[in-house]
C-alpha atoms as a PDB file:
ATOM      1  CA  MET A   1      97.440 124.063  89.968  1.00  0.00           C
ATOM      2  CA  GLN A   2      93.436 122.489  90.038  1.00  0.00           C
ATOM      3  CA  ASN A   3      91.781 123.579  93.140  1.00  0.00           C
ATOM      4  CA  LEU A   4      92.494 120.780  96.217  1.00  0.00           C
ATOM      5  CA  SER A   5      90.047 121.626  98.492  1.00  0.00           C
ATOM      6  CA  VAL A   6      86.735 120.513  96.940  1.00  0.00           C
ATOM      7  CA  VAL A   7      84.761 117.987  99.311  1.00  0.00           C
ATOM      8  CA  PRO A   8      83.443 115.486  97.320  1.00  0.00           C
ATOM      9  CA  ASP A   9      80.540 112.097  98.013  1.00  0.00           C
ATOM     10  CA  THR A  10      82.367 109.045  99.484  1.00  0.00           C
ATOM     11  CA  VAL A  11      81.826 105.916  97.994  1.00  0.00           C
ATOM     12  CA  ASP A  12      81.323 102.857 100.022  1.00  0.00           C
ATOM     13  CA  ALA A  13      83.266  99.447  99.458  1.00  0.00           C
ATOM     14  CA  MET A  14      85.582 100.363  96.936  1.00  0.00           C
ATOM     15  CA  ARG A  15      88.467  98.487  95.929  1.00  0.00           C
ATOM     16  CA  VAL A  16      91.609 100.123  95.036  1.00  0.00           C
ATOM     17  CA  ALA A  17      94.929  98.553  93.203  1.00  0.00           C
ATOM     18  CA  THR A  18      98.047 100.186  92.585  1.00  0.00           C
ATOM     19  CA  TRP A  19     100.434  98.581  89.934  1.00  0.00           C
ATOM     20  CA  ASN A  20     103.668  99.404  87.955  1.00  0.00           C
ATOM     21  CA  VAL A  21     103.077  97.678  84.801  1.00  0.00           C
ATOM     22  CA  ASN A  22     106.249  98.015  82.891  1.00  0.00           C
ATOM     23  CA  SER A  23     105.054  98.883  79.442  1.00  0.00           C
ATOM     24  CA  VAL A  24     101.399  98.463  79.019  1.00  0.00           C
ATOM     25  CA  LYS A  25     101.978  97.642  75.528  1.00  0.00           C
ATOM     26  CA  GLN A  26     103.521  95.000  76.517  1.00  0.00           C
ATOM     27  CA  ARG A  27     101.212  94.236  79.432  1.00  0.00           C
ATOM     28  CA  HIS A  28      98.094  95.231  77.695  1.00  0.00           C
ATOM     29  CA  ALA A  29      96.463  91.569  77.354  1.00  0.00           C
ATOM     30  CA  ARG A  30      97.310  90.861  80.686  1.00  0.00           C
ATOM     31  CA  LEU A  31      96.419  93.945  82.780  1.00  0.00           C
ATOM     32  CA  LEU A  32      92.837  93.275  80.661  1.00  0.00           C
ATOM     33  CA  GLU A  33      92.501  90.146  82.110  1.00  0.00           C
ATOM     34  CA  TRP A  34      93.620  91.154  85.591  1.00  0.00           C
ATOM     35  CA  LEU A  35      91.195  93.838  85.973  1.00  0.00           C
ATOM     36  CA  ASP A  36      88.583  91.348  84.610  1.00  0.00           C
ATOM     37  CA  GLN A  37      89.547  89.028  87.520  1.00  0.00           C
ATOM     38  CA  ARG A  38      90.153  91.446  90.355  1.00  0.00           C
ATOM     39  CA  GLN A  39      87.480  93.750  89.200  1.00  0.00           C
ATOM     40  CA  PRO A  40      88.828  97.076  91.224  1.00  0.00           C
ATOM     41  CA  ASP A  41      87.011 100.250  91.418  1.00  0.00           C
ATOM     42  CA  VAL A  42      90.152 102.612  91.436  1.00  0.00           C
ATOM     43  CA  VAL A  43      93.349 101.616  89.844  1.00  0.00           C
ATOM     44  CA  CYS A  44      96.861 103.254  89.868  1.00  0.00           C
ATOM     45  CA  LEU A  45      98.967 102.244  87.085  1.00  0.00           C
ATOM     46  CA  GLN A  46     102.875 103.300  86.706  1.00  0.00           C
ATOM     47  CA  GLU A  47     106.007 102.900  83.574  1.00  0.00           C
ATOM     48  CA  LEU A  48     102.907 103.281  81.117  1.00  0.00           C
ATOM     49  CA  LYS A  49     105.770 104.223  78.523  1.00  0.00           C
ATOM     50  CA  LEU A  50     103.063 105.707  75.704  1.00  0.00           C
ATOM     51  CA  THR A  51     102.299 109.148  75.549  1.00  0.00           C
ATOM     52  CA  ASP A  52      98.596 110.015  76.403  1.00  0.00           C
ATOM     53  CA  ASP A  53      97.476 109.806  72.622  1.00  0.00           C
ATOM     54  CA  ALA A  54      99.000 105.913  72.429  1.00  0.00           C
ATOM     55  CA  PHE A  55      97.514 105.088  75.693  1.00  0.00           C
ATOM     56  CA  ALA A  56      94.082 106.079  74.581  1.00  0.00           C
ATOM     57  CA  THR A  57      94.455 104.289  71.541  1.00  0.00           C
ATOM     58  CA  LEU A  58      95.949 101.136  72.571  1.00  0.00           C
ATOM     59  CA  ILE A  59      93.777 100.432  75.759  1.00  0.00           C
ATOM     60  CA  GLY A  60      90.935 103.287  75.802  1.00  0.00           C
ATOM     61  CA  PRO A  61      88.129 101.966  74.241  1.00  0.00           C
ATOM     62  CA  ASP A  62      88.820  98.659  76.439  1.00  0.00           C
ATOM     63  CA  LEU A  63      88.626 100.715  79.616  1.00  0.00           C
ATOM     64  CA  THR A  64      85.588 102.552  78.622  1.00  0.00           C
ATOM     65  CA  GLU A  65      83.839  98.632  77.604  1.00  0.00           C
ATOM     66  CA  ARG A  66      84.773  98.168  81.583  1.00  0.00           C
ATOM     67  CA  GLY A  67      83.172 101.136  82.670  1.00  0.00           C
ATOM     68  CA  TYR A  68      86.613 102.834  83.726  1.00  0.00           C
ATOM     69  CA  GLN A  69      87.242 106.715  83.102  1.00  0.00           C
ATOM     70  CA  PHE A  70      90.964 107.236  82.512  1.00  0.00           C
ATOM     71  CA  THR A  71      93.305 109.874  82.922  1.00  0.00           C
ATOM     72  CA  THR A  72      97.036 109.949  82.371  1.00  0.00           C
ATOM     73  CA  PHE A  73      99.982 111.642  82.381  1.00  0.00           C
ATOM     74  CA  GLY A  74     102.143 109.430  79.874  1.00  0.00           C
ATOM     75  CA  GLN A  75     105.708 110.001  78.353  1.00  0.00           C
ATOM     76  CA  PRO A  76     106.954 108.073  75.359  1.00  0.00           C
ATOM     77  CA  GLN A  77     109.585 104.816  76.034  1.00  0.00           C
ATOM     78  CA  TRP A  78     109.723 105.768  79.641  1.00  0.00           C
ATOM     79  CA  ASN A  79     108.022 106.651  82.963  1.00  0.00           C
ATOM     80  CA  GLY A  80     104.169 107.628  82.501  1.00  0.00           C
ATOM     81  CA  VAL A  81     101.256 107.510  85.259  1.00  0.00           C
ATOM     82  CA  ALA A  82      97.370 106.639  84.736  1.00  0.00           C
ATOM     83  CA  LEU A  83      94.280 106.534  87.052  1.00  0.00           C
ATOM     84  CA  LEU A  84      91.385 104.162  85.967  1.00  0.00           C
ATOM     85  CA  SER A  85      88.324 104.603  88.301  1.00  0.00           C
ATOM     86  CA  ARG A  86      84.826 103.454  88.161  1.00  0.00           C
ATOM     87  CA  VAL A  87      83.747 105.577  90.832  1.00  0.00           C
ATOM     88  CA  GLY A  88      84.329 109.154  89.417  1.00  0.00           C
ATOM     89  CA  LEU A  89      87.556 110.974  88.261  1.00  0.00           C
ATOM     90  CA  ASP A  90      87.607 114.589  89.242  1.00  0.00           C
ATOM     91  CA  ASP A  91      89.773 117.647  89.721  1.00  0.00           C
ATOM     92  CA  VAL A  92      92.776 116.013  87.872  1.00  0.00           C
ATOM     93  CA  VAL A  93      95.981 117.147  88.574  1.00  0.00           C
ATOM     94  CA  ARG A  94      98.829 116.296  86.239  1.00  0.00           C
ATOM     95  CA  GLY A  95     102.367 116.058  87.982  1.00  0.00           C
ATOM     96  CA  ILE A  96     103.617 118.111  91.108  1.00  0.00           C
ATOM     97  CA  PRO A  97     103.381 121.607  91.735  1.00  0.00           C
ATOM     98  CA  ASP A  98     107.059 122.652  91.688  1.00  0.00           C
ATOM     99  CA  ALA A  99     108.047 119.599  90.895  1.00  0.00           C
ATOM    100  CA  PRO A 100     112.084 119.322  90.143  1.00  0.00           C
ATOM    101  CA  ALA A 101     112.914 118.456  86.341  1.00  0.00           C
ATOM    102  CA  PHE A 102     115.597 116.520  85.618  1.00  0.00           C
ATOM    103  CA  GLY A 103     117.700 118.678  83.237  1.00  0.00           C
ATOM    104  CA  ALA A 104     115.977 121.233  81.275  1.00  0.00           C
ATOM    105  CA  ALA A 105     113.863 123.240  83.412  1.00  0.00           C
ATOM    106  CA  SER A 106     110.738 122.386  80.959  1.00  0.00           C
ATOM    107  CA  ASP A 107     111.712 118.463  81.395  1.00  0.00           C
ATOM    108  CA  ILE A 108     108.978 117.788  83.863  1.00  0.00           C
ATOM    109  CA  GLU A 109     108.711 113.677  83.656  1.00  0.00           C
ATOM    110  CA  GLY A 110     105.390 111.932  83.903  1.00  0.00           C
ATOM    111  CA  ARG A 111     106.051 110.826  87.655  1.00  0.00           C
ATOM    112  CA  ALA A 112     102.648 111.885  89.368  1.00  0.00           C
ATOM    113  CA  ILE A 113      98.352 112.285  88.602  1.00  0.00           C
ATOM    114  CA  SER A 114      96.065 112.856  91.559  1.00  0.00           C
ATOM    115  CA  ALA A 115      92.084 112.896  91.076  1.00  0.00           C
ATOM    116  CA  VAL A 116      89.003 112.382  93.475  1.00  0.00           C
ATOM    117  CA  CYS A 117      87.266 109.068  93.447  1.00  0.00           C
ATOM    118  CA  GLY A 118      84.690 108.168  95.617  1.00  0.00           C
ATOM    119  CA  GLY A 119      85.430 110.849  97.650  1.00  0.00           C
ATOM    120  CA  ILE A 120      89.272 110.097  98.325  1.00  0.00           C
ATOM    121  CA  ARG A 121      91.772 112.058  96.264  1.00  0.00           C
ATOM    122  CA  VAL A 122      93.885 109.599  94.803  1.00  0.00           C
ATOM    123  CA  HIS A 123      97.588 109.954  94.076  1.00  0.00           C
ATOM    124  CA  SER A 124      99.528 107.589  91.288  1.00  0.00           C
ATOM    125  CA  LEU A 125     103.210 108.095  91.352  1.00  0.00           C
ATOM    126  CA  TYR A 126     106.294 106.628  90.116  1.00  0.00           C
ATOM    127  CA  THR A 127     108.859 108.243  92.040  1.00  0.00           C
ATOM    128  CA  PRO A 128     112.615 108.812  90.917  1.00  0.00           C
ATOM    129  CA  ASN A 129     114.846 105.540  90.590  1.00  0.00           C
ATOM    130  CA  GLY A 130     117.795 107.494  92.283  1.00  0.00           C
ATOM    131  CA  ARG A 131     120.009 105.176  90.922  1.00  0.00           C
ATOM    132  CA  GLU A 132     123.350 105.997  92.575  1.00  0.00           C
ATOM    133  CA  VAL A 133     123.349 107.356  96.100  1.00  0.00           C
ATOM    134  CA  ALA A 134     124.886 111.217  96.065  1.00  0.00           C
ATOM    135  CA  SER A 135     124.266 111.227  92.304  1.00  0.00           C
ATOM    136  CA  ASP A 136     122.243 113.903  90.308  1.00  0.00           C
ATOM    137  CA  HIS A 137     119.277 111.379  89.979  1.00  0.00           C
ATOM    138  CA  TYR A 138     119.676 110.729  94.033  1.00  0.00           C
ATOM    139  CA  ALA A 139     119.304 114.781  95.020  1.00  0.00           C
ATOM    140  CA  TYR A 140     116.672 114.830  92.125  1.00  0.00           C
ATOM    141  CA  LYS A 141     114.695 112.015  93.809  1.00  0.00           C
ATOM    142  CA  LEU A 142     114.716 113.254  97.358  1.00  0.00           C
ATOM    143  CA  GLU A 143     113.763 116.804  96.161  1.00  0.00           C
ATOM    144  CA  TRP A 144     110.773 115.328  94.271  1.00  0.00           C
ATOM    145  CA  LEU A 145     109.649 113.658  97.589  1.00  0.00           C
ATOM    146  CA  ALA A 146     109.563 117.009  99.390  1.00  0.00           C
ATOM    147  CA  LYS A 147     107.485 118.438  96.949  1.00  0.00           C
ATOM    148  CA  LEU A 148     105.458 115.540  97.050  1.00  0.00           C
ATOM    149  CA  ARG A 149     104.814 115.554 100.874  1.00  0.00           C
ATOM    150  CA  ASP A 150     103.971 119.917 100.011  1.00  0.00           C
ATOM    151  CA  GLN A 151     101.225 118.498  97.418  1.00  0.00           C
ATOM    152  CA  VAL A 152      99.739 116.458 100.534  1.00  0.00           C
ATOM    153  CA  ALA A 153     100.056 118.456 102.929  1.00  0.00           C
ATOM    154  CA  ALA A 154      98.018 121.129 101.209  1.00  0.00           C
ATOM    155  CA  ASP A 155      95.382 118.820 100.430  1.00  0.00           C
ATOM    156  CA  THR A 156      92.199 118.548 102.446  1.00  0.00           C
ATOM    157  CA  VAL A 157      90.134 115.907 100.932  1.00  0.00           C
ATOM    158  CA  PRO A 158      91.061 112.099 102.018  1.00  0.00           C
ATOM    159  CA  GLN A 159      94.041 110.888 100.142  1.00  0.00           C
ATOM    160  CA  LEU A 160      95.184 107.620  99.382  1.00  0.00           C
ATOM    161  CA  VAL A 161      99.003 108.117  98.150  1.00  0.00           C
ATOM    162  CA  CYS A 162      99.447 105.069  96.031  1.00  0.00           C
ATOM    163  CA  GLY A 163     102.473 103.809  93.721  1.00  0.00           C
ATOM    164  CA  ASP A 164     105.959 102.965  92.916  1.00  0.00           C
ATOM    165  CA  MET A 165     107.878 105.060  95.649  1.00  0.00           C
ATOM    166  CA  ASN A 166     111.255 103.072  94.742  1.00  0.00           C
ATOM    167  CA  ILE A 167     111.930 102.930  98.527  1.00  0.00           C
ATOM    168  CA  ALA A 168     111.567 100.100 101.052  1.00  0.00           C
ATOM    169  CA  PRO A 169     110.384 101.664 104.055  1.00  0.00           C
ATOM    170  CA  THR A 170     112.488  99.533 106.717  1.00  0.00           C
ATOM    171  CA  ASP A 171     115.184  96.776 106.638  1.00  0.00           C
ATOM    172  CA  HIS A 172     111.899  94.252 106.997  1.00  0.00           C
ATOM    173  CA  ASP A 173     110.859  95.124 103.474  1.00  0.00           C
ATOM    174  CA  VAL A 174     113.893  93.835 102.014  1.00  0.00           C
ATOM    175  CA  PHE A 175     115.079  89.936 101.452  1.00  0.00           C
ATOM    176  CA  ASP A 176     118.266  90.892 102.877  1.00  0.00           C
ATOM    177  CA  PRO A 177     119.446  93.971 104.274  1.00  0.00           C
ATOM    178  CA  ALA A 178     123.409  93.336 103.576  1.00  0.00           C
ATOM    179  CA  ALA A 179     122.490  92.561  99.713  1.00  0.00           C
ATOM    180  CA  PHE A 180     121.408  96.381  99.689  1.00  0.00           C
ATOM    181  CA  GLU A 181     124.216  98.274 101.605  1.00  0.00           C
ATOM    182  CA  GLY A 182     125.425 101.037  99.373  1.00  0.00           C
ATOM    183  CA  HIS A 183     122.252 101.138  96.992  1.00  0.00           C
ATOM    184  CA  THR A 184     119.964 103.299  96.718  1.00  0.00           C
ATOM    185  CA  HIS A 185     115.821 102.425  97.879  1.00  0.00           C
ATOM    186  CA  VAL A 186     117.141 102.008 101.328  1.00  0.00           C
ATOM    187  CA  THR A 187     119.376 104.606 102.823  1.00  0.00           C
ATOM    188  CA  PRO A 188     118.510 107.004 105.592  1.00  0.00           C
ATOM    189  CA  ALA A 189     117.803 109.845 103.450  1.00  0.00           C
ATOM    190  CA  GLU A 190     115.359 108.314 101.514  1.00  0.00           C
ATOM    191  CA  ARG A 191     113.508 106.690 104.727  1.00  0.00           C
ATOM    192  CA  GLN A 192     113.279 109.947 106.121  1.00  0.00           C
ATOM    193  CA  ALA A 193     111.682 111.758 103.233  1.00  0.00           C
ATOM    194  CA  LEU A 194     108.940 108.516 103.125  1.00  0.00           C
ATOM    195  CA  ALA A 195     108.700 109.037 107.182  1.00  0.00           C
ATOM    196  CA  ASP A 196     108.121 112.769 106.167  1.00  0.00           C
ATOM    197  CA  LEU A 197     105.017 111.979 104.154  1.00  0.00           C
ATOM    198  CA  ALA A 198     103.700 109.609 107.028  1.00  0.00           C
ATOM    199  CA  GLU A 199     104.105 112.208 109.559  1.00  0.00           C
ATOM    200  CA  LEU A 200     101.189 114.211 107.483  1.00  0.00           C
ATOM    201  CA  GLY A 201      98.854 111.357 109.136  1.00  0.00           C
ATOM    202  CA  LEU A 202      99.384 108.600 106.333  1.00  0.00           C
ATOM    203  CA  ARG A 203      99.437 105.002 107.283  1.00  0.00           C
ATOM    204  CA  ASP A 204     101.462 102.027 105.373  1.00  0.00           C
ATOM    205  CA  VAL A 205      97.823  99.522 105.171  1.00  0.00           C
ATOM    206  CA  ILE A 206     100.311  96.574 104.040  1.00  0.00           C
ATOM    207  CA  ARG A 207     102.383  96.773 107.061  1.00  0.00           C
ATOM    208  CA  GLU A 208      99.703  98.229 109.389  1.00  0.00           C
ATOM    209  CA  ARG A 209      97.354  94.964 108.655  1.00  0.00           C
ATOM    210  CA  TRP A 210     100.779  92.592 108.366  1.00  0.00           C
ATOM    211  CA  PRO A 211     103.275  93.885 110.689  1.00  0.00           C
ATOM    212  CA  ASP A 212     105.530  91.130 111.004  1.00  0.00           C
ATOM    213  CA  GLU A 213     105.373  88.988 107.776  1.00  0.00           C
ATOM    214  CA  THR A 214     107.221  88.586 104.942  1.00  0.00           C
ATOM    215  CA  VAL A 215     105.689  90.944 102.027  1.00  0.00           C
ATOM    216  CA  PHE A 216     107.350  92.266  99.186  1.00  0.00           C
ATOM    217  CA  SER A 217     106.126  93.785  95.654  1.00  0.00           C
ATOM    218  CA  TYR A 218     108.903  93.810  93.434  1.00  0.00           C
ATOM    219  CA  TRP A 219     111.202  91.176  91.929  1.00  0.00           C
ATOM    220  CA  ASP A 220     114.074  91.192  89.700  1.00  0.00           C
ATOM    221  CA  TYR A 221     113.771  89.412  86.352  1.00  0.00           C
ATOM    222  CA  ARG A 222     117.265  88.125  86.946  1.00  0.00           C
ATOM    223  CA  ALA A 223     119.187  85.328  88.483  1.00  0.00           C
ATOM    224  CA  GLY A 224     115.674  83.524  89.302  1.00  0.00           C
ATOM    225  CA  MET A 225     114.786  86.239  92.259  1.00  0.00           C
ATOM    226  CA  PHE A 226     111.260  85.710  92.028  1.00  0.00           C
ATOM    227  CA  GLN A 227     111.289  81.896  92.320  1.00  0.00           C
ATOM    228  CA  LYS A 228     113.313  82.468  95.169  1.00  0.00           C
ATOM    229  CA  ASN A 229     111.549  85.067  96.792  1.00  0.00           C
ATOM    230  CA  TYR A 230     114.393  87.685  96.946  1.00  0.00           C
ATOM    231  CA  GLY A 231     112.461  90.766  96.581  1.00  0.00           C
ATOM    232  CA  MET A 232     111.348  94.220  98.103  1.00  0.00           C
ATOM    233  CA  ARG A 233     108.687  95.923  99.276  1.00  0.00           C
ATOM    234  CA  ILE A 234     108.533  98.974  97.293  1.00  0.00           C
ATOM    235  CA  ASP A 235     104.832  99.620  95.736  1.00  0.00           C
ATOM    236  CA  LEU A 236     102.946 101.476  98.336  1.00  0.00           C
ATOM    237  CA  ILE A 237      99.456 102.128  99.615  1.00  0.00           C
ATOM    238  CA  LEU A 238      99.582 105.194 102.481  1.00  0.00           C
ATOM    239  CA  ALA A 239      96.154 106.260 103.500  1.00  0.00           C
ATOM    240  CA  GLY A 240      95.092 108.918 105.562  1.00  0.00           C
ATOM    241  CA  PRO A 241      93.474 108.059 108.869  1.00  0.00           C
ATOM    242  CA  GLU A 242      89.872 108.685 107.346  1.00  0.00           C
ATOM    243  CA  VAL A 243      90.865 105.925 104.315  1.00  0.00           C
ATOM    244  CA  ALA A 244      93.377 103.559 106.799  1.00  0.00           C
ATOM    245  CA  ASP A 245      90.254 103.475 109.379  1.00  0.00           C
ATOM    246  CA  ARG A 246      88.251 101.639 106.642  1.00  0.00           C
ATOM    247  CA  ARG A 247      90.327  99.039 105.216  1.00  0.00           C
ATOM    248  CA  ALA A 248      88.828  95.785 105.034  1.00  0.00           C
ATOM    249  CA  ALA A 249      91.597  93.987 103.664  1.00  0.00           C
ATOM    250  CA  ALA A 250      95.021  94.712 102.141  1.00  0.00           C
ATOM    251  CA  TRP A 251      96.991  92.231 100.398  1.00  0.00           C
ATOM    252  CA  ILE A 252      99.338  91.997  97.503  1.00  0.00           C
ATOM    253  CA  ASP A 253      98.446  90.094  94.320  1.00  0.00           C
ATOM    254  CA  ARG A 254     101.653  87.876  93.632  1.00  0.00           C
ATOM    255  CA  GLN A 255      99.750  86.138  91.212  1.00  0.00           C
ATOM    256  CA  ALA A 256      99.665  88.425  88.775  1.00  0.00           C
ATOM    257  CA  ARG A 257     103.968  88.637  88.718  1.00  0.00           C
ATOM    258  CA  LYS A 258     103.517  84.843  87.536  1.00  0.00           C
ATOM    259  CA  GLY A 259     103.417  82.961  84.323  1.00  0.00           C
ATOM    260  CA  LYS A 260     104.518  84.326  80.463  1.00  0.00           C
ATOM    261  CA  GLY A 261     105.629  88.128  80.222  1.00  0.00           C
ATOM    262  CA  PRO A 262     105.217  89.382  83.675  1.00  0.00           C
ATOM    263  CA  SER A 263     105.821  92.826  84.730  1.00  0.00           C
ATOM    264  CA  ASP A 264     108.219  92.676  87.575  1.00  0.00           C
ATOM    265  CA  HIS A 265     105.916  94.500  90.084  1.00  0.00           C
ATOM    266  CA  ALA A 266     102.765  92.768  91.755  1.00  0.00           C
ATOM    267  CA  PRO A 267     100.054  94.630  92.021  1.00  0.00           C
ATOM    268  CA  VAL A 268      98.942  96.109  95.668  1.00  0.00           C
ATOM    269  CA  MET A 269      95.217  95.943  96.616  1.00  0.00           C
ATOM    270  CA  LEU A 270      93.153  97.394  99.122  1.00  0.00           C
ATOM    271  CA  ASP A 271      90.084  97.037  99.806  1.00  0.00           C
ATOM    272  CA  LEU A 272      87.601  99.943 101.739  1.00  0.00           C
ATOM    273  CA  ASP A 273      84.387  98.930 104.065  1.00  0.00           C
ATOM    274  CA  ALA A 274      83.944  95.027 102.383  1.00  0.00           C
ATOM    275  CA  ALA A 275      86.653  92.751 101.787  1.00  0.00           C
ATOM    276  CA  PRO A 276      85.224  90.661  98.505  1.00  0.00           C
ATOM    277  CA  ASP A 277      87.723  87.524  98.966  1.00  0.00           C
ATOM    278  CA  GLY A 278      87.882  87.724 102.734  1.00  0.00           C
ATOM    279  CA  ASP A 279      91.098  88.959 104.782  1.00  0.00           C
ATOM    280  CA  ILE A 280      93.006  86.606 102.283  1.00  0.00           C
ATOM    281  CA  GLY A 281      96.407  86.526 103.217  1.00  0.00           C
ATOM    282  CA  PRO A 282      99.665  89.416 103.008  1.00  0.00           C
ATOM    283  CA  MET A 283     101.117  87.667  99.566  1.00  0.00           C
ATOM    284  CA  VAL A 284      98.098  85.782  97.161  1.00  0.00           C
ATOM    285  CA  PRO A 285      98.970  83.123  97.132  1.00  0.00           C
ATOM    286  CA  PRO A 286     101.404  82.884  99.641  1.00  0.00           C
ATOM    287  CA  PRO A 287     105.147  82.216  98.497  1.00  0.00           C
ATOM    288  CA  SER A 288     106.642  78.945  99.023  1.00  0.00           C
ATOM    289  CA  ALA A 289     110.137  80.109  99.538  1.00  0.00           C
ATOM    290  CA  GLY A 290     109.665  82.270 102.324  1.00  0.00           C
ATOM    291  CA  ARG A 291     112.529  84.423 103.682  1.00  0.00           C
ATOM    292  CA  PRO A 292     115.591  83.252 102.327  1.00  0.00           C
ATOM    293  CA  ALA A 293     118.437  82.637 104.720  1.00  0.00           C
ATOM    294  CA  LYS A 294     120.893  85.657 104.784  1.00  0.00           C
ATOM    295  CA  LYS A 295     124.186  84.448 103.080  1.00  0.00           C
ATOM    296  CA  GLY A 296     125.802  86.927 101.390  1.00  0.00           C
ATOM    297  CA  VAL A 297     123.649  87.134  98.516  1.00  0.00           C
ATOM    298  CA  LYS A 298     124.311  89.872  96.203  1.00  0.00           C
ATOM    299  CA  LEU A 299     121.972  91.699  94.118  1.00  0.00           C
ATOM    300  CA  PRO A 300     121.990  91.096  89.935  1.00  0.00           C
ATOM    301  CA  GLN A 301     123.188  94.396  89.346  1.00  0.00           C
ATOM    302  CA  ALA A 302     126.100  94.236  91.535  1.00  0.00           C
ATOM    303  CA  GLN A 303     127.427  90.656  90.367  1.00  0.00           C
END
């Protein structure tokens, strides 16, 4: 583990984004187009589904051309996380200290990477899914989150904890709470693990800015879930108080979920100190469907 007590210089006016791209290979062109359009300074990516070398070969030259340094904790076919930065990339930590492994003790998955970018330690995280309540995967998820909390608590640098957390913080963060009964992502234990992180002083910048709005970041590919706005908010940016107080805008780039061959997740955006596009709304563009009526909708996997 590297030194977590470095206090670097801060950078003003940063745009930070987190996006589960669900395969860099499949989303290569869309990712580059999105970087050119939104011009983020720091990007957390999840579900690379590539090794470190494959990521560097496929997209490294494109990122360098755009002024990004990058670091990855890759894995073939599954998982994989990355950080891209135009404001410095220092004190990189791959993984979580003492993180659990699923299966063999040496089988640590590529689910966490952090570095100091512009004076902030930024974590790019892909929390285990949990699969089924009370399964080994579920226990692994809770243990992994507990070790993440220990890592965050040990650091003295201002922090941003970003990524696909695979937890909807409250019932307001899913399209129909009744549809999720008995499923992971919404159980009391998972939500408590997220609350334990928040107790370290981390603030949910999207919900803090939009306390009463319907805001989602993930829509299943199946059954027209995106078109109906049957979504979940499971991709989060949690900011330490020094960082959260700098929020100029916080929003979800719903536009990136549209079109041909999208990820099933949309990027979550945080503008610090200045908002290049203004304080433009919780989802961009706003959803046309709004919050659907609760009429016993079943999740695709439950049908």
